[in-house]
Amino acid sequence: MDRSGGVTVNMLDCIAAETDRQDTRLNNAYKQTMASLNANRKKQLQEVQRLWIRYRDANCDFYADPNGGTIATVNSNSCYMEATAARATELENLREEY
């Protein structure tokens, strides 16, 4: 973000690149955690993950205020990135417990 120079399009590119990295991290952590669980726990985690995605999407979409100008898009995209990174960490930690 520091290299963006405060230019919105550069900020969005940076956020998108990091979101892609965090999404890959999240998917890997999810798959590895699922592989370590029994059938009942897999079903539970699958449902939790679906609910989490719905929450993340609704929460981050809220930041995309149509009257918020270009910063609203930056805030919304940052929300997706940060939430995805936090969930990846949570799943990585959960995986270590099993």
PDB file of N, CA and C in Angstrom:
ATOM      1  N   MET A   1       0.817  -1.192   0.000  1.00  0.00           N
ATOM      2  CA  MET A   1       0.000   0.000   0.000  1.00  0.00           C
ATOM      3  C   MET A   1       0.861   1.256   0.000  1.00  0.00           C
ATOM      4  N   ASP A   2       2.008   1.192   0.650  1.00  0.00           N
ATOM      5  CA  ASP A   2       2.865   2.372   0.714  1.00  0.00           C
ATOM      6  C   ASP A   2       3.298   2.821  -0.679  1.00  0.00           C
ATOM      7  N   ARG A   3       3.452   1.862  -1.581  1.00  0.00           N
ATOM      8  CA  ARG A   3       3.897   2.192  -2.935  1.00  0.00           C
ATOM      9  C   ARG A   3       2.777   2.744  -3.810  1.00  0.00           C
ATOM     10  N   SER A   4       1.563   2.723  -3.305  1.00  0.00           N
ATOM     11  CA  SER A   4       0.423   3.174  -4.115  1.00  0.00           C
ATOM     12  C   SER A   4       0.456   4.671  -4.369  1.00  0.00           C
ATOM     13  N   GLY A   5       1.157   5.406  -3.517  1.00  0.00           N
ATOM     14  CA  GLY A   5       1.202   6.851  -3.661  1.00  0.00           C
ATOM     15  C   GLY A   5      -0.140   7.512  -3.407  1.00  0.00           C
ATOM     16  N   GLY A   6      -1.017   6.791  -2.725  1.00  0.00           N
ATOM     17  CA  GLY A   6      -2.338   7.338  -2.438  1.00  0.00           C
ATOM     18  C   GLY A   6      -3.274   7.342  -3.632  1.00  0.00           C
ATOM     19  N   VAL A   7      -2.862   6.695  -4.717  1.00  0.00           N
ATOM     20  CA  VAL A   7      -3.686   6.621  -5.924  1.00  0.00           C
ATOM     21  C   VAL A   7      -4.640   5.435  -5.774  1.00  0.00           C
ATOM     22  N   THR A   8      -5.925   5.709  -5.876  1.00  0.00           N
ATOM     23  CA  THR A   8      -6.941   4.694  -5.594  1.00  0.00           C
ATOM     24  C   THR A   8      -6.753   3.424  -6.410  1.00  0.00           C
ATOM     25  N   VAL A   9      -6.543   3.551  -7.701  1.00  0.00           N
ATOM     26  CA  VAL A   9      -6.409   2.358  -8.540  1.00  0.00           C
ATOM     27  C   VAL A   9      -5.201   1.525  -8.101  1.00  0.00           C
ATOM     28  N   ASN A  10      -4.122   2.168  -7.707  1.00  0.00           N
ATOM     29  CA  ASN A  10      -2.948   1.443  -7.216  1.00  0.00           C
ATOM     30  C   ASN A  10      -3.246   0.767  -5.884  1.00  0.00           C
ATOM     31  N   MET A  11      -3.995   1.448  -5.038  1.00  0.00           N
ATOM     32  CA  MET A  11      -4.382   0.860  -3.752  1.00  0.00           C
ATOM     33  C   MET A  11      -5.242  -0.379  -3.979  1.00  0.00           C
ATOM     34  N   LEU A  12      -6.188  -0.279  -4.896  1.00  0.00           N
ATOM     35  CA  LEU A  12      -7.066  -1.412  -5.187  1.00  0.00           C
ATOM     36  C   LEU A  12      -6.292  -2.581  -5.780  1.00  0.00           C
ATOM     37  N   ASP A  13      -5.313  -2.296  -6.628  1.00  0.00           N
ATOM     38  CA  ASP A  13      -4.471  -3.361  -7.187  1.00  0.00           C
ATOM     39  C   ASP A  13      -3.696  -4.073  -6.091  1.00  0.00           C
ATOM     40  N   CYS A  14      -3.154  -3.310  -5.173  1.00  0.00           N
ATOM     41  CA  CYS A  14      -2.394  -3.871  -4.056  1.00  0.00           C
ATOM     42  C   CYS A  14      -3.295  -4.741  -3.178  1.00  0.00           C
ATOM     43  N   ILE A  15      -4.463  -4.230  -2.857  1.00  0.00           N
ATOM     44  CA  ILE A  15      -5.407  -4.980  -2.025  1.00  0.00           C
ATOM     45  C   ILE A  15      -5.833  -6.259  -2.736  1.00  0.00           C
ATOM     46  N   ALA A  16      -6.082  -6.182  -4.037  1.00  0.00           N
ATOM     47  CA  ALA A  16      -6.502  -7.360  -4.802  1.00  0.00           C
ATOM     48  C   ALA A  16      -5.420  -8.433  -4.801  1.00  0.00           C
ATOM     49  N   ALA A  17      -4.180  -8.026  -4.967  1.00  0.00           N
ATOM     50  CA  ALA A  17      -3.078  -8.993  -4.966  1.00  0.00           C
ATOM     51  C   ALA A  17      -2.956  -9.677  -3.604  1.00  0.00           C
ATOM     52  N   GLU A  18      -3.073  -8.899  -2.540  1.00  0.00           N
ATOM     53  CA  GLU A  18      -2.972  -9.483  -1.199  1.00  0.00           C
ATOM     54  C   GLU A  18      -4.190 -10.346  -0.884  1.00  0.00           C
ATOM     55  N   THR A  19      -5.353  -9.941  -1.349  1.00  0.00           N
ATOM     56  CA  THR A  19      -6.557 -10.749  -1.145  1.00  0.00           C
ATOM     57  C   THR A  19      -6.403 -12.096  -1.831  1.00  0.00           C
ATOM     58  N   ASP A  20      -5.840 -12.118  -3.024  1.00  0.00           N
ATOM     59  CA  ASP A  20      -5.591 -13.387  -3.722  1.00  0.00           C
ATOM     60  C   ASP A  20      -4.673 -14.285  -2.907  1.00  0.00           C
ATOM     61  N   ARG A  21      -3.613 -13.707  -2.352  1.00  0.00           N
ATOM     62  CA  ARG A  21      -2.685 -14.500  -1.527  1.00  0.00           C
ATOM     63  C   ARG A  21      -3.395 -15.047  -0.290  1.00  0.00           C
ATOM     64  N   GLN A  22      -4.186 -14.210   0.346  1.00  0.00           N
ATOM     65  CA  GLN A  22      -4.881 -14.634   1.561  1.00  0.00           C
ATOM     66  C   GLN A  22      -5.977 -15.653   1.250  1.00  0.00           C
ATOM     67  N   ASP A  23      -6.614 -15.525   0.105  1.00  0.00           N
ATOM     68  CA  ASP A  23      -7.633 -16.492  -0.289  1.00  0.00           C
ATOM     69  C   ASP A  23      -7.006 -17.861  -0.540  1.00  0.00           C
ATOM     70  N   THR A  24      -5.853 -17.886  -1.167  1.00  0.00           N
ATOM     71  CA  THR A  24      -5.130 -19.147  -1.363  1.00  0.00           C
ATOM     72  C   THR A  24      -4.757 -19.747  -0.017  1.00  0.00           C
ATOM     73  N   ARG A  25      -4.268 -18.920   0.870  1.00  0.00           N
ATOM     74  CA  ARG A  25      -3.915 -19.361   2.225  1.00  0.00           C
ATOM     75  C   ARG A  25      -5.139 -19.930   2.943  1.00  0.00           C
ATOM     76  N   LEU A  26      -6.260 -19.240   2.835  1.00  0.00           N
ATOM     77  CA  LEU A  26      -7.504 -19.692   3.458  1.00  0.00           C
ATOM     78  C   LEU A  26      -7.934 -21.043   2.895  1.00  0.00           C
ATOM     79  N   ASN A  27      -7.924 -21.182   1.581  1.00  0.00           N
ATOM     80  CA  ASN A  27      -8.340 -22.440   0.963  1.00  0.00           C
ATOM     81  C   ASN A  27      -7.434 -23.595   1.365  1.00  0.00           C
ATOM     82  N   ASN A  28      -6.143 -23.351   1.423  1.00  0.00           N
ATOM     83  CA  ASN A  28      -5.212 -24.400   1.858  1.00  0.00           C
ATOM     84  C   ASN A  28      -5.462 -24.794   3.308  1.00  0.00           C
ATOM     85  N   ALA A  29      -5.653 -23.816   4.168  1.00  0.00           N
ATOM     86  CA  ALA A  29      -5.908 -24.103   5.584  1.00  0.00           C
ATOM     87  C   ALA A  29      -7.219 -24.859   5.750  1.00  0.00           C
ATOM     88  N   TYR A  30      -8.230 -24.482   4.994  1.00  0.00           N
ATOM     89  CA  TYR A  30      -9.528 -25.162   5.065  1.00  0.00           C
ATOM     90  C   TYR A  30      -9.385 -26.624   4.644  1.00  0.00           C
ATOM     91  N   LYS A  31      -8.734 -26.863   3.517  1.00  0.00           N
ATOM     92  CA  LYS A  31      -8.551 -28.235   3.027  1.00  0.00           C
ATOM     93  C   LYS A  31      -7.754 -29.076   4.019  1.00  0.00           C
ATOM     94  N   GLN A  32      -6.692 -28.515   4.557  1.00  0.00           N
ATOM     95  CA  GLN A  32      -5.865 -29.259   5.506  1.00  0.00           C
ATOM     96  C   GLN A  32      -6.614 -29.532   6.800  1.00  0.00           C
ATOM     97  N   THR A  33      -7.394 -28.574   7.251  1.00  0.00           N
ATOM     98  CA  THR A  33      -8.180 -28.776   8.469  1.00  0.00           C
ATOM     99  C   THR A  33      -9.247 -29.829   8.223  1.00  0.00           C
ATOM    100  N   MET A  34      -9.937 -29.752   7.103  1.00  0.00           N
ATOM    101  CA  MET A  34     -10.960 -30.747   6.775  1.00  0.00           C
ATOM    102  C   MET A  34     -10.365 -32.151   6.742  1.00  0.00           C
ATOM    103  N   ALA A  35      -9.161 -32.276   6.216  1.00  0.00           N
ATOM    104  CA  ALA A  35      -8.518 -33.587   6.110  1.00  0.00           C
ATOM    105  C   ALA A  35      -8.221 -34.197   7.473  1.00  0.00           C
ATOM    106  N   SER A  36      -8.137 -33.365   8.498  1.00  0.00           N
ATOM    107  CA  SER A  36      -7.783 -33.867   9.830  1.00  0.00           C
ATOM    108  C   SER A  36      -9.001 -34.173  10.702  1.00  0.00           C
ATOM    109  N   LEU A  37     -10.203 -33.961  10.186  1.00  0.00           N
ATOM    110  CA  LEU A  37     -11.413 -34.114  10.994  1.00  0.00           C
ATOM    111  C   LEU A  37     -12.181 -35.383  10.648  1.00  0.00           C
ATOM    112  N   ASN A  38     -12.961 -35.862  11.624  1.00  0.00           N
ATOM    113  CA  ASN A  38     -13.854 -36.983  11.342  1.00  0.00           C
ATOM    114  C   ASN A  38     -15.069 -36.461  10.569  1.00  0.00           C
ATOM    115  N   ALA A  39     -15.913 -37.375  10.105  1.00  0.00           N
ATOM    116  CA  ALA A  39     -17.029 -37.012   9.226  1.00  0.00           C
ATOM    117  C   ALA A  39     -17.974 -35.993   9.867  1.00  0.00           C
ATOM    118  N   ASN A  40     -18.304 -36.167  11.134  1.00  0.00           N
ATOM    119  CA  ASN A  40     -19.220 -35.254  11.808  1.00  0.00           C
ATOM    120  C   ASN A  40     -18.625 -33.850  11.916  1.00  0.00           C
ATOM    121  N   ARG A  41     -17.368 -33.772  12.299  1.00  0.00           N
ATOM    122  CA  ARG A  41     -16.711 -32.470  12.438  1.00  0.00           C
ATOM    123  C   ARG A  41     -16.517 -31.802  11.075  1.00  0.00           C
ATOM    124  N   LYS A  42     -16.270 -32.608  10.037  1.00  0.00           N
ATOM    125  CA  LYS A  42     -16.164 -32.042   8.690  1.00  0.00           C
ATOM    126  C   LYS A  42     -17.460 -31.347   8.299  1.00  0.00           C
ATOM    127  N   LYS A  43     -18.571 -32.012   8.577  1.00  0.00           N
ATOM    128  CA  LYS A  43     -19.875 -31.439   8.252  1.00  0.00           C
ATOM    129  C   LYS A  43     -20.092 -30.135   9.018  1.00  0.00           C
ATOM    130  N   GLN A  44     -19.701 -30.128  10.280  1.00  0.00           N
ATOM    131  CA  GLN A  44     -19.833 -28.913  11.091  1.00  0.00           C
ATOM    132  C   GLN A  44     -18.980 -27.777  10.535  1.00  0.00           C
ATOM    133  N   LEU A  45     -17.729 -28.081  10.231  1.00  0.00           N
ATOM    134  CA  LEU A  45     -16.839 -27.038   9.713  1.00  0.00           C
ATOM    135  C   LEU A  45     -17.330 -26.521   8.366  1.00  0.00           C
ATOM    136  N   GLN A  46     -17.837 -27.409   7.545  1.00  0.00           N
ATOM    137  CA  GLN A  46     -18.359 -26.988   6.246  1.00  0.00           C
ATOM    138  C   GLN A  46     -19.500 -25.984   6.431  1.00  0.00           C
ATOM    139  N   GLU A  47     -20.403 -26.262   7.357  1.00  0.00           N
ATOM    140  CA  GLU A  47     -21.515 -25.349   7.624  1.00  0.00           C
ATOM    141  C   GLU A  47     -21.011 -24.026   8.207  1.00  0.00           C
ATOM    142  N   VAL A  48     -20.078 -24.110   9.139  1.00  0.00           N
ATOM    143  CA  VAL A  48     -19.506 -22.899   9.734  1.00  0.00           C
ATOM    144  C   VAL A  48     -18.842 -22.042   8.657  1.00  0.00           C
ATOM    145  N   GLN A  49     -18.108 -22.681   7.765  1.00  0.00           N
ATOM    146  CA  GLN A  49     -17.413 -21.938   6.717  1.00  0.00           C
ATOM    147  C   GLN A  49     -18.404 -21.252   5.783  1.00  0.00           C
ATOM    148  N   ARG A  50     -19.474 -21.938   5.449  1.00  0.00           N
ATOM    149  CA  ARG A  50     -20.497 -21.324   4.590  1.00  0.00           C
ATOM    150  C   ARG A  50     -21.107 -20.101   5.272  1.00  0.00           C
ATOM    151  N   LEU A  51     -21.402 -20.230   6.560  1.00  0.00           N
ATOM    152  CA  LEU A  51     -21.962 -19.102   7.309  1.00  0.00           C
ATOM    153  C   LEU A  51     -20.960 -17.958   7.412  1.00  0.00           C
ATOM    154  N   TRP A  52     -19.691 -18.305   7.631  1.00  0.00           N
ATOM    155  CA  TRP A  52     -18.657 -17.276   7.726  1.00  0.00           C
ATOM    156  C   TRP A  52     -18.550 -16.502   6.409  1.00  0.00           C
ATOM    157  N   ILE A  53     -18.586 -17.203   5.291  1.00  0.00           N
ATOM    158  CA  ILE A  53     -18.504 -16.538   3.982  1.00  0.00           C
ATOM    159  C   ILE A  53     -19.687 -15.588   3.797  1.00  0.00           C
ATOM    160  N   ARG A  54     -20.875 -16.036   4.163  1.00  0.00           N
ATOM    161  CA  ARG A  54     -22.056 -15.165   4.060  1.00  0.00           C
ATOM    162  C   ARG A  54     -21.890 -13.932   4.940  1.00  0.00           C
ATOM    163  N   TYR A  55     -21.390 -14.130   6.162  1.00  0.00           N
ATOM    164  CA  TYR A  55     -21.164 -12.999   7.065  1.00  0.00           C
ATOM    165  C   TYR A  55     -20.123 -12.040   6.483  1.00  0.00           C
ATOM    166  N   ARG A  56     -18.979 -12.596   6.064  1.00  0.00           N
ATOM    167  CA  ARG A  56     -17.910 -11.746   5.521  1.00  0.00           C
ATOM    168  C   ARG A  56     -18.413 -10.922   4.349  1.00  0.00           C
ATOM    169  N   ASP A  57     -19.101 -11.583   3.439  1.00  0.00           N
ATOM    170  CA  ASP A  57     -19.584 -10.884   2.252  1.00  0.00           C
ATOM    171  C   ASP A  57     -20.567  -9.773   2.616  1.00  0.00           C
ATOM    172  N   ALA A  58     -21.513 -10.078   3.496  1.00  0.00           N
ATOM    173  CA  ALA A  58     -22.501  -9.066   3.897  1.00  0.00           C
ATOM    174  C   ALA A  58     -21.835  -7.920   4.648  1.00  0.00           C
ATOM    175  N   ASN A  59     -20.942  -8.255   5.553  1.00  0.00           N
ATOM    176  CA  ASN A  59     -20.261  -7.233   6.343  1.00  0.00           C
ATOM    177  C   ASN A  59     -19.407  -6.326   5.460  1.00  0.00           C
ATOM    178  N   CYS A  60     -18.622  -6.920   4.597  1.00  0.00           N
ATOM    179  CA  CYS A  60     -17.728  -6.122   3.759  1.00  0.00           C
ATOM    180  C   CYS A  60     -18.490  -5.361   2.678  1.00  0.00           C
ATOM    181  N   ASP A  61     -19.583  -5.930   2.188  1.00  0.00           N
ATOM    182  CA  ASP A  61     -20.409  -5.203   1.224  1.00  0.00           C
ATOM    183  C   ASP A  61     -20.989  -3.939   1.848  1.00  0.00           C
ATOM    184  N   PHE A  62     -21.237  -3.981   3.146  1.00  0.00           N
ATOM    185  CA  PHE A  62     -21.769  -2.811   3.838  1.00  0.00           C
ATOM    186  C   PHE A  62     -20.809  -1.623   3.735  1.00  0.00           C
ATOM    187  N   TYR A  63     -19.511  -1.907   3.722  1.00  0.00           N
ATOM    188  CA  TYR A  63     -18.511  -0.841   3.621  1.00  0.00           C
ATOM    189  C   TYR A  63     -18.522  -0.162   2.251  1.00  0.00           C
ATOM    190  N   ALA A  64     -19.085  -0.813   1.261  1.00  0.00           N
ATOM    191  CA  ALA A  64     -19.133  -0.254  -0.092  1.00  0.00           C
ATOM    192  C   ALA A  64     -20.306   0.714  -0.205  1.00  0.00           C
ATOM    193  N   ASP A  65     -20.310   1.714   0.623  1.00  0.00           N
ATOM    194  CA  ASP A  65     -21.363   2.730   0.663  1.00  0.00           C
ATOM    195  C   ASP A  65     -21.438   3.434  -0.690  1.00  0.00           C
ATOM    196  N   PRO A  66     -22.592   3.379  -1.338  1.00  0.00           N
ATOM    197  CA  PRO A  66     -22.690   4.014  -2.655  1.00  0.00           C
ATOM    198  C   PRO A  66     -22.451   5.525  -2.615  1.00  0.00           C
ATOM    199  N   ASN A  67     -22.565   6.123  -1.458  1.00  0.00           N
ATOM    200  CA  ASN A  67     -22.316   7.559  -1.321  1.00  0.00           C
ATOM    201  C   ASN A  67     -20.936   7.852  -0.743  1.00  0.00           C
ATOM    202  N   GLY A  68     -20.124   6.811  -0.611  1.00  0.00           N
ATOM    203  CA  GLY A  68     -18.833   6.966   0.040  1.00  0.00           C
ATOM    204  C   GLY A  68     -17.676   7.287  -0.879  1.00  0.00           C
ATOM    205  N   GLY A  69     -17.940   7.442  -2.154  1.00  0.00           N
ATOM    206  CA  GLY A  69     -16.869   7.756  -3.092  1.00  0.00           C
ATOM    207  C   GLY A  69     -15.922   6.584  -3.282  1.00  0.00           C
ATOM    208  N   THR A  70     -14.760   6.876  -3.834  1.00  0.00           N
ATOM    209  CA  THR A  70     -13.810   5.809  -4.140  1.00  0.00           C
ATOM    210  C   THR A  70     -13.230   5.173  -2.884  1.00  0.00           C
ATOM    211  N   ILE A  71     -13.195   5.900  -1.783  1.00  0.00           N
ATOM    212  CA  ILE A  71     -12.644   5.323  -0.554  1.00  0.00           C
ATOM    213  C   ILE A  71     -13.531   4.197  -0.045  1.00  0.00           C
ATOM    214  N   ALA A  72     -14.818   4.227  -0.373  1.00  0.00           N
ATOM    215  CA  ALA A  72     -15.721   3.154   0.048  1.00  0.00           C
ATOM    216  C   ALA A  72     -15.311   1.830  -0.587  1.00  0.00           C
ATOM    217  N   THR A  73     -14.879   1.872  -1.833  1.00  0.00           N
ATOM    218  CA  THR A  73     -14.412   0.655  -2.503  1.00  0.00           C
ATOM    219  C   THR A  73     -13.129   0.158  -1.858  1.00  0.00           C
ATOM    220  N   VAL A  74     -12.237   1.067  -1.541  1.00  0.00           N
ATOM    221  CA  VAL A  74     -11.000   0.692  -0.849  1.00  0.00           C
ATOM    222  C   VAL A  74     -11.335   0.056   0.496  1.00  0.00           C
ATOM    223  N   ASN A  75     -12.242   0.665   1.239  1.00  0.00           N
ATOM    224  CA  ASN A  75     -12.620   0.128   2.549  1.00  0.00           C
ATOM    225  C   ASN A  75     -13.268  -1.244   2.432  1.00  0.00           C
ATOM    226  N   SER A  76     -14.152  -1.410   1.468  1.00  0.00           N
ATOM    227  CA  SER A  76     -14.815  -2.695   1.267  1.00  0.00           C
ATOM    228  C   SER A  76     -13.810  -3.777   0.896  1.00  0.00           C
ATOM    229  N   ASN A  77     -12.941  -3.481  -0.050  1.00  0.00           N
ATOM    230  CA  ASN A  77     -11.942  -4.464  -0.472  1.00  0.00           C
ATOM    231  C   ASN A  77     -10.956  -4.774   0.644  1.00  0.00           C
ATOM    232  N   SER A  78     -10.601  -3.779   1.432  1.00  0.00           N
ATOM    233  CA  SER A  78      -9.722  -4.010   2.586  1.00  0.00           C
ATOM    234  C   SER A  78     -10.400  -4.921   3.596  1.00  0.00           C
ATOM    235  N   CYS A  79     -11.692  -4.731   3.779  1.00  0.00           N
ATOM    236  CA  CYS A  79     -12.451  -5.580   4.689  1.00  0.00           C
ATOM    237  C   CYS A  79     -12.368  -7.039   4.246  1.00  0.00           C
ATOM    238  N   TYR A  80     -12.584  -7.298   2.956  1.00  0.00           N
ATOM    239  CA  TYR A  80     -12.484  -8.666   2.435  1.00  0.00           C
ATOM    240  C   TYR A  80     -11.098  -9.244   2.704  1.00  0.00           C
ATOM    241  N   MET A  81     -10.071  -8.458   2.409  1.00  0.00           N
ATOM    242  CA  MET A  81      -8.703  -8.931   2.588  1.00  0.00           C
ATOM    243  C   MET A  81      -8.417  -9.256   4.048  1.00  0.00           C
ATOM    244  N   GLU A  82      -8.757  -8.336   4.943  1.00  0.00           N
ATOM    245  CA  GLU A  82      -8.463  -8.520   6.361  1.00  0.00           C
ATOM    246  C   GLU A  82      -9.272  -9.665   6.959  1.00  0.00           C
ATOM    247  N   ALA A  83     -10.534  -9.778   6.583  1.00  0.00           N
ATOM    248  CA  ALA A  83     -11.370 -10.865   7.096  1.00  0.00           C
ATOM    249  C   ALA A  83     -10.864 -12.213   6.603  1.00  0.00           C
ATOM    250  N   THR A  84     -10.457 -12.275   5.358  1.00  0.00           N
ATOM    251  CA  THR A  84      -9.944 -13.521   4.791  1.00  0.00           C
ATOM    252  C   THR A  84      -8.645 -13.926   5.471  1.00  0.00           C
ATOM    253  N   ALA A  85      -7.770 -12.974   5.709  1.00  0.00           N
ATOM    254  CA  ALA A  85      -6.506 -13.261   6.404  1.00  0.00           C
ATOM    255  C   ALA A  85      -6.768 -13.750   7.823  1.00  0.00           C
ATOM    256  N   ALA A  86      -7.701 -13.109   8.512  1.00  0.00           N
ATOM    257  CA  ALA A  86      -8.014 -13.509   9.888  1.00  0.00           C
ATOM    258  C   ALA A  86      -8.603 -14.912   9.924  1.00  0.00           C
ATOM    259  N   ARG A  87      -9.476 -15.224   8.968  1.00  0.00           N
ATOM    260  CA  ARG A  87     -10.073 -16.566   8.933  1.00  0.00           C
ATOM    261  C   ARG A  87      -9.020 -17.606   8.584  1.00  0.00           C
ATOM    262  N   ALA A  88      -8.102 -17.285   7.704  1.00  0.00           N
ATOM    263  CA  ALA A  88      -7.021 -18.218   7.373  1.00  0.00           C
ATOM    264  C   ALA A  88      -6.203 -18.535   8.616  1.00  0.00           C
ATOM    265  N   THR A  89      -5.872 -17.520   9.389  1.00  0.00           N
ATOM    266  CA  THR A  89      -5.128 -17.730  10.635  1.00  0.00           C
ATOM    267  C   THR A  89      -5.929 -18.601  11.592  1.00  0.00           C
ATOM    268  N   GLU A  90      -7.214 -18.323  11.700  1.00  0.00           N
ATOM    269  CA  GLU A  90      -8.077 -19.107  12.588  1.00  0.00           C
ATOM    270  C   GLU A  90      -8.088 -20.582  12.179  1.00  0.00           C
ATOM    271  N   LEU A  91      -8.217 -20.850  10.886  1.00  0.00           N
ATOM    272  CA  LEU A  91      -8.230 -22.237  10.421  1.00  0.00           C
ATOM    273  C   LEU A  91      -6.866 -22.897  10.586  1.00  0.00           C
ATOM    274  N   GLU A  92      -5.802 -22.156  10.374  1.00  0.00           N
ATOM    275  CA  GLU A  92      -4.462 -22.712  10.599  1.00  0.00           C
ATOM    276  C   GLU A  92      -4.288 -23.108  12.057  1.00  0.00           C
ATOM    277  N   ASN A  93      -4.751 -22.261  12.951  1.00  0.00           N
ATOM    278  CA  ASN A  93      -4.663 -22.573  14.381  1.00  0.00           C
ATOM    279  C   ASN A  93      -5.547 -23.758  14.737  1.00  0.00           C
ATOM    280  N   LEU A  94      -6.723 -23.830  14.153  1.00  0.00           N
ATOM    281  CA  LEU A  94      -7.630 -24.948  14.396  1.00  0.00           C
ATOM    282  C   LEU A  94      -7.008 -26.252  13.911  1.00  0.00           C
ATOM    283  N   ARG A  95      -6.396 -26.201  12.750  1.00  0.00           N
ATOM    284  CA  ARG A  95      -5.739 -27.384  12.185  1.00  0.00           C
ATOM    285  C   ARG A  95      -4.675 -27.921  13.136  1.00  0.00           C
ATOM    286  N   GLU A  96      -3.943 -27.032  13.774  1.00  0.00           N
ATOM    287  CA  GLU A  96      -2.890 -27.446  14.702  1.00  0.00           C
ATOM    288  C   GLU A  96      -3.454 -28.144  15.932  1.00  0.00           C
ATOM    289  N   GLU A  97      -4.717 -27.842  16.276  1.00  0.00           N
ATOM    290  CA  GLU A  97      -5.350 -28.474  17.428  1.00  0.00           C
ATOM    291  C   GLU A  97      -5.778 -29.901  17.129  1.00  0.00           C
ATOM    292  N   TYR A  98      -5.946 -30.240  15.863  1.00  0.00           N
ATOM    293  CA  TYR A  98      -6.385 -31.581  15.487  1.00  0.00           C
ATOM    294  C   TYR A  98      -5.239 -32.282  14.867  1.00  0.00           C
TER     295      TYR A  98
END
